[in-house]
Amino acid sequence: TIIKILDYPDEINTPIEKYICDKFGVYDCKTALAIAKAESGLREDAININTNNTIDVGVFQINTVHFKKDGCSLKELVDAYKNVDCAYSIYKANGNFDAWVTYQNDLHLGFLQ
């Protein structure tokens, strides 16, 4: 019997990618990376104004509806690592990645490695 041990993808090239994998764990690392890449290209300075006048900020494009949550203020979200922390707290609270439209619409799939 061969047992495959889960490991991080080989394509982790930046400190923020490693941080995302450390935060989300080996099982959800690839999906989290794909979502962040689809959302912002891993850009800390990414900002999007939505058609409903809400704003998405940072690596995981955290929406203004989350700004009042602990660790998710605008001041915190402009820091890439704190943005990842907020994304992780949203993920844990929901039990899934459904808070991200790129996940709901399978747009992250093109970024899976």
PDB file of N, CA and C in Angstrom:
ATOM      1  N   THR A   1       0.843  -1.178   0.000  1.00  0.00           N
ATOM      2  CA  THR A   1       0.000   0.000   0.000  1.00  0.00           C
ATOM      3  C   THR A   1       0.890   1.244   0.000  1.00  0.00           C
ATOM      4  N   ILE A   2       0.588   2.167  -0.883  1.00  0.00           N
ATOM      5  CA  ILE A   2       1.309   3.432  -0.935  1.00  0.00           C
ATOM      6  C   ILE A   2       0.433   4.489  -0.276  1.00  0.00           C
ATOM      7  N   ILE A   3       1.016   5.205   0.646  1.00  0.00           N
ATOM      8  CA  ILE A   3       0.294   6.278   1.322  1.00  0.00           C
ATOM      9  C   ILE A   3       0.856   7.598   0.815  1.00  0.00           C
ATOM     10  N   LYS A   4      -0.018   8.411   0.281  1.00  0.00           N
ATOM     11  CA  LYS A   4       0.402   9.737  -0.190  1.00  0.00           C
ATOM     12  C   LYS A   4       0.238  10.724   0.943  1.00  0.00           C
ATOM     13  N   ILE A   5       1.300  11.403   1.273  1.00  0.00           N
ATOM     14  CA  ILE A   5       1.266  12.424   2.312  1.00  0.00           C
ATOM     15  C   ILE A   5       1.032  13.766   1.643  1.00  0.00           C
ATOM     16  N   LEU A   6       0.053  14.485   2.138  1.00  0.00           N
ATOM     17  CA  LEU A   6      -0.212  15.815   1.592  1.00  0.00           C
ATOM     18  C   LEU A   6       0.955  16.741   1.877  1.00  0.00           C
ATOM     19  N   ASP A   7       1.269  17.563   0.911  1.00  0.00           N
ATOM     20  CA  ASP A   7       2.347  18.520   1.077  1.00  0.00           C
ATOM     21  C   ASP A   7       1.972  19.805   0.353  1.00  0.00           C
ATOM     22  N   TYR A   8       2.682  20.857   0.668  1.00  0.00           N
ATOM     23  CA  TYR A   8       2.460  22.119  -0.021  1.00  0.00           C
ATOM     24  C   TYR A   8       2.841  21.966  -1.492  1.00  0.00           C
ATOM     25  N   PRO A   9       2.216  22.777  -2.347  1.00  0.00           N
ATOM     26  CA  PRO A   9       2.617  22.723  -3.758  1.00  0.00           C
ATOM     27  C   PRO A   9       4.064  23.174  -3.930  1.00  0.00           C
ATOM     28  N   ASP A  10       4.697  22.671  -4.981  1.00  0.00           N
ATOM     29  CA  ASP A  10       6.095  23.027  -5.248  1.00  0.00           C
ATOM     30  C   ASP A  10       6.251  24.474  -5.672  1.00  0.00           C
ATOM     31  N   GLU A  11       5.177  25.090  -6.134  1.00  0.00           N
ATOM     32  CA  GLU A  11       5.247  26.415  -6.735  1.00  0.00           C
ATOM     33  C   GLU A  11       5.071  27.558  -5.736  1.00  0.00           C
ATOM     34  N   ILE A  12       5.422  27.352  -4.491  1.00  0.00           N
ATOM     35  CA  ILE A  12       5.351  28.438  -3.509  1.00  0.00           C
ATOM     36  C   ILE A  12       6.628  29.259  -3.652  1.00  0.00           C
ATOM     37  N   ASN A  13       6.489  30.463  -4.202  1.00  0.00           N
ATOM     38  CA  ASN A  13       7.652  31.265  -4.547  1.00  0.00           C
ATOM     39  C   ASN A  13       7.828  32.526  -3.705  1.00  0.00           C
ATOM     40  N   THR A  14       6.826  32.871  -2.910  1.00  0.00           N
ATOM     41  CA  THR A  14       6.903  34.128  -2.181  1.00  0.00           C
ATOM     42  C   THR A  14       6.545  33.903  -0.710  1.00  0.00           C
ATOM     43  N   PRO A  15       6.968  34.802   0.148  1.00  0.00           N
ATOM     44  CA  PRO A  15       6.604  34.678   1.568  1.00  0.00           C
ATOM     45  C   PRO A  15       5.093  34.691   1.795  1.00  0.00           C
ATOM     46  N   ILE A  16       4.339  35.465   1.018  1.00  0.00           N
ATOM     47  CA  ILE A  16       2.880  35.514   1.226  1.00  0.00           C
ATOM     48  C   ILE A  16       2.228  34.190   0.818  1.00  0.00           C
ATOM     49  N   GLU A  17       2.740  33.545  -0.214  1.00  0.00           N
ATOM     50  CA  GLU A  17       2.215  32.230  -0.591  1.00  0.00           C
ATOM     51  C   GLU A  17       2.464  31.216   0.526  1.00  0.00           C
ATOM     52  N   LYS A  18       3.654  31.250   1.103  1.00  0.00           N
ATOM     53  CA  LYS A  18       3.959  30.343   2.210  1.00  0.00           C
ATOM     54  C   LYS A  18       3.065  30.645   3.408  1.00  0.00           C
ATOM     55  N   TYR A  19       2.838  31.926   3.674  1.00  0.00           N
ATOM     56  CA  TYR A  19       1.982  32.311   4.797  1.00  0.00           C
ATOM     57  C   TYR A  19       0.550  31.807   4.593  1.00  0.00           C
ATOM     58  N   ILE A  20       0.050  31.941   3.367  1.00  0.00           N
ATOM     59  CA  ILE A  20      -1.300  31.435   3.065  1.00  0.00           C
ATOM     60  C   ILE A  20      -1.366  29.939   3.335  1.00  0.00           C
ATOM     61  N   CYS A  21      -0.361  29.194   2.877  1.00  0.00           N
ATOM     62  CA  CYS A  21      -0.363  27.750   3.100  1.00  0.00           C
ATOM     63  C   CYS A  21      -0.226  27.408   4.582  1.00  0.00           C
ATOM     64  N   ASP A  22       0.616  28.143   5.298  1.00  0.00           N
ATOM     65  CA  ASP A  22       0.751  27.904   6.735  1.00  0.00           C
ATOM     66  C   ASP A  22      -0.565  28.183   7.456  1.00  0.00           C
ATOM     67  N   LYS A  23      -1.264  29.229   7.033  1.00  0.00           N
ATOM     68  CA  LYS A  23      -2.510  29.639   7.694  1.00  0.00           C
ATOM     69  C   LYS A  23      -3.642  28.643   7.408  1.00  0.00           C
ATOM     70  N   PHE A  24      -3.821  28.289   6.138  1.00  0.00           N
ATOM     71  CA  PHE A  24      -4.948  27.435   5.750  1.00  0.00           C
ATOM     72  C   PHE A  24      -4.640  25.951   5.898  1.00  0.00           C
ATOM     73  N   GLY A  25      -3.375  25.612   6.032  1.00  0.00           N
ATOM     74  CA  GLY A  25      -2.996  24.212   6.203  1.00  0.00           C
ATOM     75  C   GLY A  25      -2.844  23.491   4.880  1.00  0.00           C
ATOM     76  N   VAL A  26      -2.178  22.373   4.946  1.00  0.00           N
ATOM     77  CA  VAL A  26      -1.805  21.645   3.739  1.00  0.00           C
ATOM     78  C   VAL A  26      -3.031  21.195   2.932  1.00  0.00           C
ATOM     79  N   TYR A  27      -4.124  20.871   3.593  1.00  0.00           N
ATOM     80  CA  TYR A  27      -5.302  20.368   2.888  1.00  0.00           C
ATOM     81  C   TYR A  27      -5.976  21.454   2.045  1.00  0.00           C
ATOM     82  N   ASP A  28      -6.046  22.680   2.547  1.00  0.00           N
ATOM     83  CA  ASP A  28      -6.733  23.764   1.844  1.00  0.00           C
ATOM     84  C   ASP A  28      -5.791  24.781   1.203  1.00  0.00           C
ATOM     85  N   CYS A  29      -4.498  24.535   1.294  1.00  0.00           N
ATOM     86  CA  CYS A  29      -3.494  25.461   0.775  1.00  0.00           C
ATOM     87  C   CYS A  29      -3.695  25.771  -0.710  1.00  0.00           C
ATOM     88  N   LYS A  30      -3.813  24.753  -1.537  1.00  0.00           N
ATOM     89  CA  LYS A  30      -3.907  24.974  -2.986  1.00  0.00           C
ATOM     90  C   LYS A  30      -5.157  25.766  -3.347  1.00  0.00           C
ATOM     91  N   THR A  31      -6.270  25.460  -2.714  1.00  0.00           N
ATOM     92  CA  THR A  31      -7.511  26.184  -2.997  1.00  0.00           C
ATOM     93  C   THR A  31      -7.395  27.636  -2.551  1.00  0.00           C
ATOM     94  N   ALA A  32      -6.860  27.859  -1.362  1.00  0.00           N
ATOM     95  CA  ALA A  32      -6.703  29.227  -0.860  1.00  0.00           C
ATOM     96  C   ALA A  32      -5.782  30.039  -1.768  1.00  0.00           C
ATOM     97  N   LEU A  33      -4.670  29.447  -2.190  1.00  0.00           N
ATOM     98  CA  LEU A  33      -3.761  30.135  -3.108  1.00  0.00           C
ATOM     99  C   LEU A  33      -4.458  30.467  -4.422  1.00  0.00           C
ATOM    100  N   ALA A  34      -5.209  29.523  -4.951  1.00  0.00           N
ATOM    101  CA  ALA A  34      -5.909  29.738  -6.226  1.00  0.00           C
ATOM    102  C   ALA A  34      -6.929  30.868  -6.105  1.00  0.00           C
ATOM    103  N   ILE A  35      -7.627  30.921  -4.980  1.00  0.00           N
ATOM    104  CA  ILE A  35      -8.608  31.991  -4.772  1.00  0.00           C
ATOM    105  C   ILE A  35      -7.898  33.344  -4.685  1.00  0.00           C
ATOM    106  N   ALA A  36      -6.821  33.421  -3.913  1.00  0.00           N
ATOM    107  CA  ALA A  36      -6.089  34.691  -3.774  1.00  0.00           C
ATOM    108  C   ALA A  36      -5.520  35.142  -5.119  1.00  0.00           C
ATOM    109  N   LYS A  37      -5.031  34.202  -5.904  1.00  0.00           N
ATOM    110  CA  LYS A  37      -4.498  34.542  -7.228  1.00  0.00           C
ATOM    111  C   LYS A  37      -5.619  35.021  -8.150  1.00  0.00           C
ATOM    112  N   ALA A  38      -6.766  34.354  -8.090  1.00  0.00           N
ATOM    113  CA  ALA A  38      -7.900  34.755  -8.928  1.00  0.00           C
ATOM    114  C   ALA A  38      -8.466  36.097  -8.493  1.00  0.00           C
ATOM    115  N   GLU A  39      -8.488  36.337  -7.191  1.00  0.00           N
ATOM    116  CA  GLU A  39      -9.065  37.572  -6.653  1.00  0.00           C
ATOM    117  C   GLU A  39      -8.183  38.790  -6.921  1.00  0.00           C
ATOM    118  N   SER A  40      -6.870  38.654  -6.685  1.00  0.00           N
ATOM    119  CA  SER A  40      -6.009  39.846  -6.709  1.00  0.00           C
ATOM    120  C   SER A  40      -4.665  39.655  -7.394  1.00  0.00           C
ATOM    121  N   GLY A  41      -4.379  38.446  -7.848  1.00  0.00           N
ATOM    122  CA  GLY A  41      -3.031  38.185  -8.328  1.00  0.00           C
ATOM    123  C   GLY A  41      -2.022  38.248  -7.196  1.00  0.00           C
ATOM    124  N   LEU A  42      -2.494  38.019  -5.961  1.00  0.00           N
ATOM    125  CA  LEU A  42      -1.706  38.096  -4.728  1.00  0.00           C
ATOM    126  C   LEU A  42      -1.207  39.508  -4.440  1.00  0.00           C
ATOM    127  N   ARG A  43      -1.897  40.498  -4.967  1.00  0.00           N
ATOM    128  CA  ARG A  43      -1.479  41.895  -4.781  1.00  0.00           C
ATOM    129  C   ARG A  43      -2.059  42.482  -3.495  1.00  0.00           C
ATOM    130  N   GLU A  44      -1.188  42.968  -2.661  1.00  0.00           N
ATOM    131  CA  GLU A  44      -1.561  43.606  -1.406  1.00  0.00           C
ATOM    132  C   GLU A  44      -2.355  44.892  -1.658  1.00  0.00           C
ATOM    133  N   ASP A  45      -2.046  45.579  -2.754  1.00  0.00           N
ATOM    134  CA  ASP A  45      -2.666  46.876  -3.045  1.00  0.00           C
ATOM    135  C   ASP A  45      -3.901  46.787  -3.941  1.00  0.00           C
ATOM    136  N   ALA A  46      -4.399  45.588  -4.178  1.00  0.00           N
ATOM    137  CA  ALA A  46      -5.564  45.419  -5.049  1.00  0.00           C
ATOM    138  C   ALA A  46      -6.819  45.987  -4.383  1.00  0.00           C
ATOM    139  N   ILE A  47      -7.541  46.794  -5.137  1.00  0.00           N
ATOM    140  CA  ILE A  47      -8.801  47.376  -4.668  1.00  0.00           C
ATOM    141  C   ILE A  47      -9.808  47.274  -5.810  1.00  0.00           C
ATOM    142  N   ASN A  48     -11.030  46.906  -5.485  1.00  0.00           N
ATOM    143  CA  ASN A  48     -12.087  46.823  -6.483  1.00  0.00           C
ATOM    144  C   ASN A  48     -13.351  47.464  -5.922  1.00  0.00           C
ATOM    145  N   ILE A  49     -13.959  48.324  -6.718  1.00  0.00           N
ATOM    146  CA  ILE A  49     -15.253  48.903  -6.341  1.00  0.00           C
ATOM    147  C   ILE A  49     -16.316  48.116  -7.093  1.00  0.00           C
ATOM    148  N   ASN A  50     -17.220  47.509  -6.335  1.00  0.00           N
ATOM    149  CA  ASN A  50     -18.257  46.656  -6.916  1.00  0.00           C
ATOM    150  C   ASN A  50     -19.447  47.478  -7.404  1.00  0.00           C
ATOM    151  N   THR A  51     -20.287  46.851  -8.202  1.00  0.00           N
ATOM    152  CA  THR A  51     -21.466  47.539  -8.736  1.00  0.00           C
ATOM    153  C   THR A  51     -22.448  47.940  -7.642  1.00  0.00           C
ATOM    154  N   ASN A  52     -22.384  47.263  -6.480  1.00  0.00           N
ATOM    155  CA  ASN A  52     -23.277  47.626  -5.363  1.00  0.00           C
ATOM    156  C   ASN A  52     -22.618  48.641  -4.423  1.00  0.00           C
ATOM    157  N   ASN A  53     -21.520  49.256  -4.879  1.00  0.00           N
ATOM    158  CA  ASN A  53     -20.774  50.285  -4.146  1.00  0.00           C
ATOM    159  C   ASN A  53     -20.041  49.784  -2.909  1.00  0.00           C
ATOM    160  N   THR A  54     -19.894  48.467  -2.768  1.00  0.00           N
ATOM    161  CA  THR A  54     -19.009  47.952  -1.734  1.00  0.00           C
ATOM    162  C   THR A  54     -17.601  47.891  -2.328  1.00  0.00           C
ATOM    163  N   ILE A  55     -16.612  47.746  -1.460  1.00  0.00           N
ATOM    164  CA  ILE A  55     -15.225  47.730  -1.903  1.00  0.00           C
ATOM    165  C   ILE A  55     -14.573  46.431  -1.450  1.00  0.00           C
ATOM    166  N   ASP A  56     -13.743  45.861  -2.321  1.00  0.00           N
ATOM    167  CA  ASP A  56     -12.942  44.688  -1.994  1.00  0.00           C
ATOM    168  C   ASP A  56     -11.486  45.133  -1.875  1.00  0.00           C
ATOM    169  N   VAL A  57     -10.789  44.606  -0.851  1.00  0.00           N
ATOM    170  CA  VAL A  57      -9.451  45.094  -0.540  1.00  0.00           C
ATOM    171  C   VAL A  57      -8.457  43.946  -0.382  1.00  0.00           C
ATOM    172  N   GLY A  58      -7.280  44.108  -0.986  1.00  0.00           N
ATOM    173  CA  GLY A  58      -6.121  43.277  -0.698  1.00  0.00           C
ATOM    174  C   GLY A  58      -6.069  41.915  -1.360  1.00  0.00           C
ATOM    175  N   VAL A  59      -5.190  41.095  -0.833  1.00  0.00           N
ATOM    176  CA  VAL A  59      -4.855  39.792  -1.391  1.00  0.00           C
ATOM    177  C   VAL A  59      -6.092  38.930  -1.619  1.00  0.00           C
ATOM    178  N   PHE A  60      -6.957  38.843  -0.625  1.00  0.00           N
ATOM    179  CA  PHE A  60      -8.169  38.033  -0.733  1.00  0.00           C
ATOM    180  C   PHE A  60      -9.403  38.862  -1.091  1.00  0.00           C
ATOM    181  N   GLN A  61      -9.203  40.137  -1.441  1.00  0.00           N
ATOM    182  CA  GLN A  61     -10.306  41.018  -1.828  1.00  0.00           C
ATOM    183  C   GLN A  61     -11.441  40.952  -0.808  1.00  0.00           C
ATOM    184  N   ILE A  62     -11.113  41.246   0.434  1.00  0.00           N
ATOM    185  CA  ILE A  62     -12.082  41.240   1.525  1.00  0.00           C
ATOM    186  C   ILE A  62     -13.058  42.395   1.323  1.00  0.00           C
ATOM    187  N   ASN A  63     -14.337  42.076   1.341  1.00  0.00           N
ATOM    188  CA  ASN A  63     -15.393  43.058   1.092  1.00  0.00           C
ATOM    189  C   ASN A  63     -15.686  43.893   2.328  1.00  0.00           C
ATOM    190  N   THR A  64     -16.177  45.109   2.094  1.00  0.00           N
ATOM    191  CA  THR A  64     -16.490  46.038   3.183  1.00  0.00           C
ATOM    192  C   THR A  64     -17.486  45.460   4.192  1.00  0.00           C
ATOM    193  N   VAL A  65     -18.290  44.484   3.815  1.00  0.00           N
ATOM    194  CA  VAL A  65     -19.241  43.894   4.767  1.00  0.00           C
ATOM    195  C   VAL A  65     -18.520  43.220   5.938  1.00  0.00           C
ATOM    196  N   HIS A  66     -17.238  42.947   5.779  1.00  0.00           N
ATOM    197  CA  HIS A  66     -16.461  42.285   6.835  1.00  0.00           C
ATOM    198  C   HIS A  66     -15.627  43.249   7.668  1.00  0.00           C
ATOM    199  N   PHE A  67     -15.634  44.543   7.337  1.00  0.00           N
ATOM    200  CA  PHE A  67     -14.736  45.503   7.984  1.00  0.00           C
ATOM    201  C   PHE A  67     -14.928  45.624   9.488  1.00  0.00           C
ATOM    202  N   LYS A  68     -16.098  45.306  10.011  1.00  0.00           N
ATOM    203  CA  LYS A  68     -16.341  45.452  11.448  1.00  0.00           C
ATOM    204  C   LYS A  68     -15.951  44.208  12.241  1.00  0.00           C
ATOM    205  N   LYS A  69     -15.548  43.157  11.558  1.00  0.00           N
ATOM    206  CA  LYS A  69     -15.128  41.937  12.249  1.00  0.00           C
ATOM    207  C   LYS A  69     -13.736  42.133  12.828  1.00  0.00           C
ATOM    208  N   ASP A  70     -13.466  41.460  13.940  1.00  0.00           N
ATOM    209  CA  ASP A  70     -12.134  41.526  14.554  1.00  0.00           C
ATOM    210  C   ASP A  70     -11.075  41.125  13.542  1.00  0.00           C
ATOM    211  N   GLY A  71     -10.045  41.955  13.411  1.00  0.00           N
ATOM    212  CA  GLY A  71      -8.938  41.663  12.511  1.00  0.00           C
ATOM    213  C   GLY A  71      -9.214  41.981  11.052  1.00  0.00           C
ATOM    214  N   CYS A  72     -10.341  42.599  10.770  1.00  0.00           N
ATOM    215  CA  CYS A  72     -10.728  42.847   9.385  1.00  0.00           C
ATOM    216  C   CYS A  72     -11.005  44.320   9.083  1.00  0.00           C
ATOM    217  N   SER A  73     -10.450  45.220   9.868  1.00  0.00           N
ATOM    218  CA  SER A  73     -10.647  46.643   9.589  1.00  0.00           C
ATOM    219  C   SER A  73      -9.874  47.022   8.329  1.00  0.00           C
ATOM    220  N   LEU A  74     -10.261  48.112   7.716  1.00  0.00           N
ATOM    221  CA  LEU A  74      -9.577  48.574   6.512  1.00  0.00           C
ATOM    222  C   LEU A  74      -8.086  48.754   6.782  1.00  0.00           C
ATOM    223  N   LYS A  75      -7.751  49.314   7.936  1.00  0.00           N
ATOM    224  CA  LYS A  75      -6.343  49.526   8.297  1.00  0.00           C
ATOM    225  C   LYS A  75      -5.579  48.203   8.304  1.00  0.00           C
ATOM    226  N   GLU A  76      -6.215  47.158   8.801  1.00  0.00           N
ATOM    227  CA  GLU A  76      -5.558  45.847   8.852  1.00  0.00           C
ATOM    228  C   GLU A  76      -5.504  45.190   7.478  1.00  0.00           C
ATOM    229  N   LEU A  77      -6.550  45.363   6.693  1.00  0.00           N
ATOM    230  CA  LEU A  77      -6.654  44.649   5.424  1.00  0.00           C
ATOM    231  C   LEU A  77      -5.673  45.100   4.351  1.00  0.00           C
ATOM    232  N   VAL A  78      -5.108  46.285   4.509  1.00  0.00           N
ATOM    233  CA  VAL A  78      -4.113  46.733   3.532  1.00  0.00           C
ATOM    234  C   VAL A  78      -2.745  46.086   3.773  1.00  0.00           C
ATOM    235  N   ASP A  79      -2.592  45.372   4.866  1.00  0.00           N
ATOM    236  CA  ASP A  79      -1.403  44.567   5.130  1.00  0.00           C
ATOM    237  C   ASP A  79      -1.680  43.147   4.615  1.00  0.00           C
ATOM    238  N   ALA A  80      -0.829  42.642   3.737  1.00  0.00           N
ATOM    239  CA  ALA A  80      -1.072  41.339   3.101  1.00  0.00           C
ATOM    240  C   ALA A  80      -1.285  40.222   4.116  1.00  0.00           C
ATOM    241  N   TYR A  81      -0.482  40.196   5.162  1.00  0.00           N
ATOM    242  CA  TYR A  81      -0.569  39.112   6.141  1.00  0.00           C
ATOM    243  C   TYR A  81      -1.833  39.211   6.983  1.00  0.00           C
ATOM    244  N   LYS A  82      -2.208  40.411   7.352  1.00  0.00           N
ATOM    245  CA  LYS A  82      -3.451  40.591   8.112  1.00  0.00           C
ATOM    246  C   LYS A  82      -4.663  40.328   7.223  1.00  0.00           C
ATOM    247  N   ASN A  83      -4.547  40.599   5.924  1.00  0.00           N
ATOM    248  CA  ASN A  83      -5.608  40.285   4.977  1.00  0.00           C
ATOM    249  C   ASN A  83      -5.823  38.768   4.936  1.00  0.00           C
ATOM    250  N   VAL A  84      -4.737  38.026   4.905  1.00  0.00           N
ATOM    251  CA  VAL A  84      -4.820  36.557   4.936  1.00  0.00           C
ATOM    252  C   VAL A  84      -5.454  36.097   6.245  1.00  0.00           C
ATOM    253  N   ASP A  85      -5.071  36.711   7.361  1.00  0.00           N
ATOM    254  CA  ASP A  85      -5.652  36.355   8.660  1.00  0.00           C
ATOM    255  C   ASP A  85      -7.162  36.566   8.654  1.00  0.00           C
ATOM    256  N   CYS A  86      -7.601  37.697   8.106  1.00  0.00           N
ATOM    257  CA  CYS A  86      -9.032  37.983   8.029  1.00  0.00           C
ATOM    258  C   CYS A  86      -9.724  36.963   7.129  1.00  0.00           C
ATOM    259  N   ALA A  87      -9.128  36.681   5.977  1.00  0.00           N
ATOM    260  CA  ALA A  87      -9.703  35.693   5.053  1.00  0.00           C
ATOM    261  C   ALA A  87      -9.860  34.349   5.745  1.00  0.00           C
ATOM    262  N   TYR A  88      -8.859  33.965   6.517  1.00  0.00           N
ATOM    263  CA  TYR A  88      -8.926  32.693   7.225  1.00  0.00           C
ATOM    264  C   TYR A  88     -10.056  32.694   8.255  1.00  0.00           C
ATOM    265  N   SER A  89     -10.235  33.810   8.951  1.00  0.00           N
ATOM    266  CA  SER A  89     -11.314  33.872   9.940  1.00  0.00           C
ATOM    267  C   SER A  89     -12.683  33.785   9.259  1.00  0.00           C
ATOM    268  N   ILE A  90     -12.817  34.388   8.092  1.00  0.00           N
ATOM    269  CA  ILE A  90     -14.074  34.285   7.331  1.00  0.00           C
ATOM    270  C   ILE A  90     -14.293  32.836   6.881  1.00  0.00           C
ATOM    271  N   TYR A  91     -13.238  32.236   6.381  1.00  0.00           N
ATOM    272  CA  TYR A  91     -13.290  30.833   5.945  1.00  0.00           C
ATOM    273  C   TYR A  91     -13.690  29.918   7.104  1.00  0.00           C
ATOM    274  N   LYS A  92     -13.079  30.102   8.257  1.00  0.00           N
ATOM    275  CA  LYS A  92     -13.391  29.258   9.416  1.00  0.00           C
ATOM    276  C   LYS A  92     -14.825  29.474   9.898  1.00  0.00           C
ATOM    277  N   ALA A  93     -15.272  30.728   9.915  1.00  0.00           N
ATOM    278  CA  ALA A  93     -16.636  31.028  10.362  1.00  0.00           C
ATOM    279  C   ALA A  93     -17.674  30.403   9.434  1.00  0.00           C
ATOM    280  N   ASN A  94     -17.388  30.401   8.133  1.00  0.00           N
ATOM    281  CA  ASN A  94     -18.324  29.835   7.146  1.00  0.00           C
ATOM    282  C   ASN A  94     -18.168  28.331   6.998  1.00  0.00           C
ATOM    283  N   GLY A  95     -16.996  27.814   7.314  1.00  0.00           N
ATOM    284  CA  GLY A  95     -16.721  26.393   7.122  1.00  0.00           C
ATOM    285  C   GLY A  95     -16.421  26.042   5.675  1.00  0.00           C
ATOM    286  N   ASN A  96     -16.231  27.066   4.840  1.00  0.00           N
ATOM    287  CA  ASN A  96     -15.959  26.838   3.421  1.00  0.00           C
ATOM    288  C   ASN A  96     -15.448  28.133   2.775  1.00  0.00           C
ATOM    289  N   PHE A  97     -15.216  28.069   1.472  1.00  0.00           N
ATOM    290  CA  PHE A  97     -14.711  29.220   0.725  1.00  0.00           C
ATOM    291  C   PHE A  97     -15.819  29.988  -0.009  1.00  0.00           C
ATOM    292  N   ASP A  98     -17.066  29.762   0.344  1.00  0.00           N
ATOM    293  CA  ASP A  98     -18.192  30.359  -0.392  1.00  0.00           C
ATOM    294  C   ASP A  98     -18.264  31.882  -0.317  1.00  0.00           C
ATOM    295  N   ALA A  99     -17.516  32.524   0.558  1.00  0.00           N
ATOM    296  CA  ALA A  99     -17.533  33.993   0.634  1.00  0.00           C
ATOM    297  C   ALA A  99     -16.863  34.630  -0.581  1.00  0.00           C
ATOM    298  N   TRP A 100     -16.122  33.832  -1.356  1.00  0.00           N
ATOM    299  CA  TRP A 100     -15.411  34.369  -2.515  1.00  0.00           C
ATOM    300  C   TRP A 100     -16.125  33.982  -3.805  1.00  0.00           C
ATOM    301  N   VAL A 101     -16.497  34.984  -4.573  1.00  0.00           N
ATOM    302  CA  VAL A 101     -17.209  34.778  -5.834  1.00  0.00           C
ATOM    303  C   VAL A 101     -16.365  33.951  -6.796  1.00  0.00           C
ATOM    304  N   THR A 102     -15.054  34.150  -6.777  1.00  0.00           N
ATOM    305  CA  THR A 102     -14.196  33.363  -7.671  1.00  0.00           C
ATOM    306  C   THR A 102     -14.290  31.873  -7.349  1.00  0.00           C
ATOM    307  N   TYR A 103     -14.548  31.541  -6.102  1.00  0.00           N
ATOM    308  CA  TYR A 103     -14.743  30.138  -5.714  1.00  0.00           C
ATOM    309  C   TYR A 103     -16.133  29.660  -6.141  1.00  0.00           C
ATOM    310  N   GLN A 104     -17.151  30.463  -5.852  1.00  0.00           N
ATOM    311  CA  GLN A 104     -18.524  30.090  -6.212  1.00  0.00           C
ATOM    312  C   GLN A 104     -18.669  29.849  -7.710  1.00  0.00           C
ATOM    313  N   ASN A 105     -17.980  30.657  -8.507  1.00  0.00           N
ATOM    314  CA  ASN A 105     -18.093  30.576  -9.970  1.00  0.00           C
ATOM    315  C   ASN A 105     -16.986  29.745 -10.603  1.00  0.00           C
ATOM    316  N   ASP A 106     -16.212  29.044  -9.778  1.00  0.00           N
ATOM    317  CA  ASP A 106     -15.112  28.191 -10.238  1.00  0.00           C
ATOM    318  C   ASP A 106     -14.034  28.941 -11.010  1.00  0.00           C
ATOM    319  N   LEU A 107     -13.943  30.260 -10.825  1.00  0.00           N
ATOM    320  CA  LEU A 107     -12.921  31.036 -11.509  1.00  0.00           C
ATOM    321  C   LEU A 107     -11.526  30.767 -10.951  1.00  0.00           C
ATOM    322  N   HIS A 108     -11.456  30.215  -9.762  1.00  0.00           N
ATOM    323  CA  HIS A 108     -10.160  29.889  -9.150  1.00  0.00           C
ATOM    324  C   HIS A 108      -9.523  28.656  -9.771  1.00  0.00           C
ATOM    325  N   LEU A 109     -10.321  27.847 -10.451  1.00  0.00           N
ATOM    326  CA  LEU A 109      -9.820  26.575 -10.968  1.00  0.00           C
ATOM    327  C   LEU A 109      -8.658  26.754 -11.942  1.00  0.00           C
ATOM    328  N   GLY A 110      -8.654  27.831 -12.695  1.00  0.00           N
ATOM    329  CA  GLY A 110      -7.564  28.086 -13.621  1.00  0.00           C
ATOM    330  C   GLY A 110      -6.254  28.423 -12.921  1.00  0.00           C
ATOM    331  N   PHE A 111      -6.306  28.648 -11.608  1.00  0.00           N
ATOM    332  CA  PHE A 111      -5.109  28.982 -10.842  1.00  0.00           C
ATOM    333  C   PHE A 111      -4.624  27.818  -9.974  1.00  0.00           C
ATOM    334  N   LEU A 112      -5.353  26.699 -10.005  1.00  0.00           N
ATOM    335  CA  LEU A 112      -4.927  25.539  -9.227  1.00  0.00           C
ATOM    336  C   LEU A 112      -3.679  24.935  -9.848  1.00  0.00           C
ATOM    337  N   GLN A 113      -2.751  24.551  -9.002  1.00  0.00           N
ATOM    338  CA  GLN A 113      -1.503  23.968  -9.504  1.00  0.00           C
ATOM    339  C   GLN A 113      -1.360  22.555  -8.978  1.00  0.00           C
TER     340      GLN A 113
END
